[in-house]
Amino acid sequence: MIQTVCVCGAGTMGSGIAQTSAAAGFYTILFELNESVLDKAKTTIEKKLQTLVEKNKISETDKAATLNNLHFTNDLYDCLANVVIEAIVEDAPKKIALINQLAEINHSETVFATNTSSISVTQIATAVKNPERVVGMHFFNPATLMKLVEVVATDFTNPQTLQLVIDFSKQMNKTPVLCKDAPGFIVNRVARPFYIESLRMLEENSASIFTIDSIMEASGFRMGPFKLMDLIGNDINYAVSCSVYQQLHNPERLKPSFIQKEKVANGELGKKTKRGYYQYD
């Protein structure tokens, strides 16, 4: 039975997952070494909850209960939980090192879920003690609103771990989809051409950013590819493109774009930096 959840990483995704978990009634620890990032996450969560109150989406009681379920910390030894969700940078060695540190202080049955969007979950699991308790739990941005969670199984993941994570996802009012560990899983594998071909058209001066986004939205997409990349974060989107490209042995059709590489190098990451393919006030 899950009583306590620990989310590691208080960035946009981690704080969103923590808010979702706390709102679902779980005592939730949000761990982040950087105090300024942790303080920002706390402020952001409080503002988001207040907005929901003002829009009559939740009550003041709901808001208070969610905040009461949250514990913010930069002390690794506070991270004791039934389920740990890792949501730090897309860097396999850093993810592995963190999970191994947490495995030392947690119970041997603690489940470790990685929120990676592109790194092989098998690669992480094989470097962790008791790999059968490691699973992918890929949320989508914004985690508080997006219903889908990809539950990624490796050849080591035991059925009990998978069922626990699937049930946990449902308790958070999410829609879990089980998939095997493979490059890009399901969504990011299917979505790569959506981004890559749009960027390729821009490279070739075939159409403008505004035109491509407008025509895709007119065709039924809620957001055009460039608006969506700005929302996700160009650093994250580019990292996923590179990861899928490399894992699939560098197919030309999925080659990452130099335009997005330049955006990342220039710190034009999208909404979170107020500048990407568009400018945000």
Protein backbone atom coordinates (compact mmCIF):
# COMPACT_ATOMS: atom_id res chain seq x y z
CA MET A 1 0.00 0.00 0.00
CA ILE A 2 1.37 3.41 -0.97
CA GLN A 3 1.32 6.00 1.79
CA THR A 4 4.36 8.16 1.04
CA VAL A 5 5.69 9.37 -2.31
CA CYS A 6 8.99 11.12 -2.92
CA VAL A 7 9.58 13.21 -6.04
CA CYS A 8 13.20 14.08 -6.76
CA GLY A 9 13.73 17.24 -8.77
CA ALA A 10 11.66 20.40 -8.26
CA GLY A 11 11.67 21.72 -11.79
CA THR A 12 8.52 22.20 -13.85
CA MET A 13 7.84 18.48 -14.20
CA GLY A 14 8.86 17.42 -10.70
CA SER A 15 6.82 20.11 -8.95
CA GLY A 16 3.82 19.26 -11.13
CA ILE A 17 4.07 15.56 -10.26
CA ALA A 18 4.42 16.40 -6.57
CA GLN A 19 1.34 18.65 -6.65
CA THR A 20 -0.65 15.92 -8.40
CA SER A 21 0.43 13.29 -5.88
CA ALA A 22 -0.36 15.50 -2.89
CA ALA A 23 -3.75 16.47 -4.33
CA ALA A 24 -4.56 12.77 -4.64
CA GLY A 25 -4.06 12.35 -0.89
CA PHE A 26 -0.53 10.98 -0.71
CA TYR A 27 2.00 12.41 1.72
CA THR A 28 4.51 13.75 -0.80
CA ILE A 29 8.14 14.72 -0.31
CA LEU A 30 9.60 17.07 -2.93
CA PHE A 31 13.40 16.86 -2.89
CA GLU A 32 15.70 19.38 -4.57
CA LEU A 33 19.29 20.28 -3.68
CA ASN A 34 19.05 23.80 -5.07
CA GLU A 35 17.23 25.87 -2.43
CA SER A 36 16.18 28.61 -4.85
CA VAL A 37 14.61 26.03 -7.17
CA LEU A 38 12.86 24.43 -4.19
CA ASP A 39 11.52 27.80 -2.99
CA LYS A 40 10.30 28.61 -6.50
CA ALA A 41 8.50 25.24 -6.69
CA LYS A 42 6.73 25.91 -3.40
CA THR A 43 5.63 29.37 -4.53
CA THR A 44 4.50 28.06 -7.92
CA ILE A 45 2.44 25.25 -6.40
CA GLU A 46 0.77 27.65 -3.97
CA LYS A 47 -0.08 30.04 -6.82
CA LYS A 48 -1.47 27.25 -8.99
CA LEU A 49 -3.66 25.98 -6.17
CA GLN A 50 -4.93 29.49 -5.44
CA THR A 51 -5.79 29.93 -9.13
CA LEU A 52 -7.80 26.70 -8.99
CA VAL A 53 -9.65 28.02 -5.94
CA GLU A 54 -10.43 31.29 -7.72
CA LYS A 55 -11.75 29.36 -10.72
CA ASN A 56 -13.91 27.20 -8.42
CA LYS A 57 -12.03 24.08 -9.54
CA ILE A 58 -11.13 23.18 -5.96
CA SER A 59 -12.17 24.41 -2.51
CA GLU A 60 -10.04 26.18 0.09
CA THR A 61 -10.19 22.92 2.04
CA ASP A 62 -8.76 21.03 -0.95
CA LYS A 63 -5.99 23.57 -1.28
CA ALA A 64 -5.11 23.32 2.41
CA ALA A 65 -5.15 19.51 2.28
CA THR A 66 -2.82 19.44 -0.73
CA LEU A 67 -0.33 21.83 0.89
CA ASN A 68 -0.52 19.86 4.12
CA ASN A 69 0.45 16.71 2.20
CA LEU A 70 3.58 18.38 0.81
CA HIS A 71 7.00 18.40 2.44
CA PHE A 72 9.79 20.37 0.75
CA THR A 73 13.37 19.35 1.48
CA ASN A 74 16.98 19.51 0.30
CA ASP A 75 18.03 16.73 2.68
CA LEU A 76 18.48 13.41 0.89
CA TYR A 77 17.84 11.54 4.15
CA ASP A 78 14.27 12.86 4.20
CA CYS A 79 13.57 10.89 1.02
CA LEU A 80 12.00 7.81 2.58
CA ALA A 81 8.96 6.59 0.67
CA ASN A 82 7.04 3.67 -0.80
CA VAL A 83 7.47 5.11 -4.27
CA VAL A 84 10.27 7.41 -5.41
CA ILE A 85 9.79 9.28 -8.70
CA GLU A 86 13.01 10.62 -10.19
CA ALA A 87 12.47 13.76 -12.28
CA ILE A 88 15.93 15.29 -12.58
CA VAL A 89 17.94 16.21 -15.70
CA GLU A 90 18.02 13.85 -18.71
CA ASP A 91 21.41 12.38 -17.83
CA ALA A 92 21.65 8.63 -17.24
CA PRO A 93 24.71 8.64 -14.91
CA LYS A 94 23.11 11.32 -12.71
CA LYS A 95 19.81 9.44 -12.55
CA ILE A 96 21.58 6.18 -11.71
CA ALA A 97 23.73 7.82 -9.03
CA LEU A 98 20.69 9.40 -7.37
CA ILE A 99 18.63 6.21 -7.37
CA ASN A 100 21.55 4.23 -5.94
CA GLN A 101 21.95 6.80 -3.16
CA LEU A 102 18.26 6.56 -2.36
CA ALA A 103 18.32 2.76 -2.53
CA GLU A 104 20.86 2.77 0.30
CA ILE A 105 18.53 4.57 2.70
CA ASN A 106 15.16 3.14 1.62
CA HIS A 107 13.47 -0.19 2.20
CA SER A 108 14.41 -2.96 -0.26
CA GLU A 109 10.81 -2.96 -1.54
CA THR A 110 10.71 0.76 -2.37
CA VAL A 111 9.75 1.25 -6.01
CA PHE A 112 11.90 3.60 -8.09
CA ALA A 113 10.17 5.21 -11.05
CA THR A 114 12.10 7.34 -13.52
CA ASN A 115 10.28 10.10 -15.36
CA THR A 116 12.80 10.00 -18.20
CA SER A 117 11.29 10.83 -21.57
CA SER A 118 13.94 9.13 -23.69
CA ILE A 119 16.73 7.39 -21.73
CA SER A 120 16.60 3.61 -21.66
CA VAL A 121 14.92 2.48 -18.44
CA THR A 122 16.79 -0.82 -18.83
CA GLN A 123 20.09 1.08 -18.75
CA ILE A 124 19.06 2.64 -15.45
CA ALA A 125 17.65 -0.57 -13.97
CA THR A 126 20.72 -2.68 -14.68
CA ALA A 127 22.88 -0.24 -12.74
CA VAL A 128 20.59 -0.27 -9.68
CA LYS A 129 20.37 -2.83 -6.90
CA ASN A 130 17.18 -4.89 -7.21
CA PRO A 131 16.42 -3.88 -10.83
CA GLU A 132 13.03 -5.57 -10.63
CA ARG A 133 11.73 -2.56 -8.68
CA VAL A 134 12.75 0.00 -11.31
CA VAL A 135 10.13 1.20 -13.79
CA GLY A 136 9.52 4.11 -16.13
CA MET A 137 6.74 6.51 -15.20
CA HIS A 138 6.70 9.13 -17.93
CA PHE A 139 4.40 12.07 -17.19
CA PHE A 140 3.62 14.82 -19.69
CA ASN A 141 3.79 18.59 -19.25
CA PRO A 142 1.88 20.08 -17.50
CA ALA A 143 1.75 17.09 -15.17
CA THR A 144 -1.16 18.54 -13.21
CA LEU A 145 -3.39 18.56 -16.32
CA MET A 146 -2.16 15.91 -18.76
CA LYS A 147 -3.85 12.58 -18.09
CA LEU A 148 -1.46 10.22 -19.85
CA VAL A 149 1.34 8.39 -18.03
CA GLU A 150 3.53 5.95 -19.92
CA VAL A 151 4.41 3.05 -17.59
CA VAL A 152 7.59 1.60 -19.04
CA ALA A 153 8.56 -1.99 -18.26
CA THR A 154 11.99 -3.56 -18.65
CA ASP A 155 12.77 -7.27 -18.80
CA PHE A 156 13.63 -7.04 -15.10
CA THR A 157 10.49 -5.27 -13.84
CA ASN A 158 8.34 -7.65 -11.84
CA PRO A 159 4.54 -7.81 -12.27
CA GLN A 160 3.90 -6.54 -8.73
CA THR A 161 5.88 -3.37 -9.41
CA LEU A 162 4.02 -2.76 -12.65
CA GLN A 163 0.61 -3.28 -11.07
CA LEU A 164 1.47 -1.02 -8.14
CA VAL A 165 2.53 1.80 -10.49
CA ILE A 166 -0.53 1.35 -12.71
CA ASP A 167 -2.85 1.48 -9.68
CA PHE A 168 -0.93 4.47 -8.29
CA SER A 169 -1.35 6.31 -11.61
CA LYS A 170 -5.08 5.71 -11.54
CA GLN A 171 -5.29 6.96 -7.94
CA MET A 172 -3.76 10.20 -9.20
CA ASN A 173 -6.55 10.39 -11.80
CA LYS A 174 -4.15 9.56 -14.62
CA THR A 175 -4.51 7.20 -17.56
CA PRO A 176 -1.61 4.73 -17.47
CA VAL A 177 -0.50 3.05 -20.70
CA LEU A 178 1.86 0.11 -20.37
CA CYS A 179 4.70 -0.04 -22.87
CA LYS A 180 7.99 -1.89 -23.29
CA ASP A 181 11.29 -0.11 -22.93
CA ALA A 182 12.22 1.10 -26.41
CA PRO A 183 13.71 4.32 -27.87
CA GLY A 184 11.26 7.15 -27.22
CA PHE A 185 8.76 4.70 -25.71
CA ILE A 186 5.48 5.33 -27.58
CA VAL A 187 4.63 9.04 -27.57
CA ASN A 188 8.09 10.47 -28.17
CA ARG A 189 8.82 7.89 -30.85
CA VAL A 190 5.65 8.76 -32.74
CA ALA A 191 6.07 12.51 -32.15
CA ARG A 192 9.64 12.85 -33.48
CA PRO A 193 8.59 13.33 -37.16
CA PHE A 194 6.06 15.97 -36.05
CA TYR A 195 8.90 18.10 -34.69
CA ILE A 196 11.75 17.08 -37.02
CA GLU A 197 9.83 17.59 -40.28
CA SER A 198 8.54 20.98 -39.08
CA LEU A 199 12.10 22.05 -38.31
CA ARG A 200 13.29 20.67 -41.63
CA MET A 201 10.72 22.81 -43.45
CA LEU A 202 12.01 25.83 -41.55
CA GLU A 203 15.62 24.95 -42.46
CA GLU A 204 14.60 24.79 -46.13
CA ASN A 205 12.63 28.07 -45.92
CA SER A 206 9.56 26.17 -47.09
CA ALA A 207 7.29 27.92 -44.58
CA SER A 208 7.48 30.18 -41.55
CA ILE A 209 7.06 29.18 -37.92
CA PHE A 210 3.72 30.98 -37.75
CA THR A 211 2.45 29.36 -40.97
CA ILE A 212 3.41 25.84 -39.90
CA ASP A 213 1.82 26.25 -36.47
CA SER A 214 -1.31 27.86 -37.91
CA ILE A 215 -1.92 25.16 -40.52
CA MET A 216 -1.40 22.35 -38.00
CA GLU A 217 -3.80 23.98 -35.56
CA ALA A 218 -6.32 24.51 -38.35
CA SER A 219 -5.98 20.79 -39.11
CA GLY A 220 -7.08 19.87 -35.59
CA PHE A 221 -3.91 19.91 -33.48
CA ARG A 222 -4.36 21.83 -30.24
CA MET A 223 -0.90 23.34 -30.63
CA GLY A 224 1.46 23.67 -33.56
CA PRO A 225 4.91 22.03 -33.29
CA PHE A 226 6.82 25.23 -32.48
CA LYS A 227 4.39 26.35 -29.79
CA LEU A 228 4.53 22.85 -28.33
CA MET A 229 8.34 22.76 -28.36
CA ASP A 230 8.38 26.10 -26.54
CA LEU A 231 5.96 24.70 -23.94
CA ILE A 232 7.95 21.50 -23.42
CA GLY A 233 11.28 23.33 -23.41
CA ASN A 234 13.69 23.28 -26.34
CA ASP A 235 16.41 21.81 -24.16
CA ILE A 236 14.22 18.84 -23.26
CA ASN A 237 12.82 18.43 -26.77
CA TYR A 238 16.28 18.56 -28.36
CA ALA A 239 17.69 16.08 -25.81
CA VAL A 240 14.89 13.63 -26.59
CA SER A 241 15.45 14.03 -30.35
CA CYS A 242 19.16 13.34 -29.91
CA SER A 243 18.52 10.35 -27.67
CA VAL A 244 15.99 8.70 -30.00
CA TYR A 245 18.22 9.42 -33.02
CA GLN A 246 21.24 7.79 -31.38
CA GLN A 247 19.34 4.79 -29.99
CA LEU A 248 17.89 4.08 -33.45
CA HIS A 249 21.41 4.22 -34.98
CA ASN A 250 21.23 7.68 -36.55
CA PRO A 251 18.53 7.45 -39.25
CA GLU A 252 18.69 10.51 -41.51
CA ARG A 253 14.93 11.05 -41.25
CA LEU A 254 15.25 11.68 -37.48
CA LYS A 255 18.42 13.78 -37.49
CA PRO A 256 18.03 16.60 -34.92
CA SER A 257 17.85 20.12 -36.31
CA PHE A 258 20.70 22.62 -36.07
CA ILE A 259 18.05 25.31 -35.52
CA GLN A 260 16.94 23.75 -32.26
CA LYS A 261 20.55 23.09 -31.27
CA GLU A 262 21.24 26.83 -31.65
CA LYS A 263 18.15 27.70 -29.63
CA VAL A 264 19.44 25.57 -26.76
CA ALA A 265 22.97 27.01 -27.03
CA ASN A 266 21.54 30.54 -26.87
CA GLY A 267 19.35 29.75 -23.86
CA GLU A 268 16.18 30.29 -25.89
CA LEU A 269 14.36 27.39 -24.29
CA GLY A 270 10.78 28.56 -24.74
CA LYS A 271 8.23 29.73 -22.20
CA LYS A 272 10.43 29.05 -19.19
CA THR A 273 13.07 31.52 -20.46
CA LYS A 274 10.51 33.88 -22.06
CA ARG A 275 12.11 33.32 -25.45
CA GLY A 276 12.12 30.43 -27.89
CA TYR A 277 10.52 30.23 -31.31
CA TYR A 278 8.24 32.94 -29.93
CA GLN A 279 8.75 35.67 -27.35
CA TYR A 280 6.75 35.60 -24.10
CA ASP A 281 6.12 38.58 -21.84
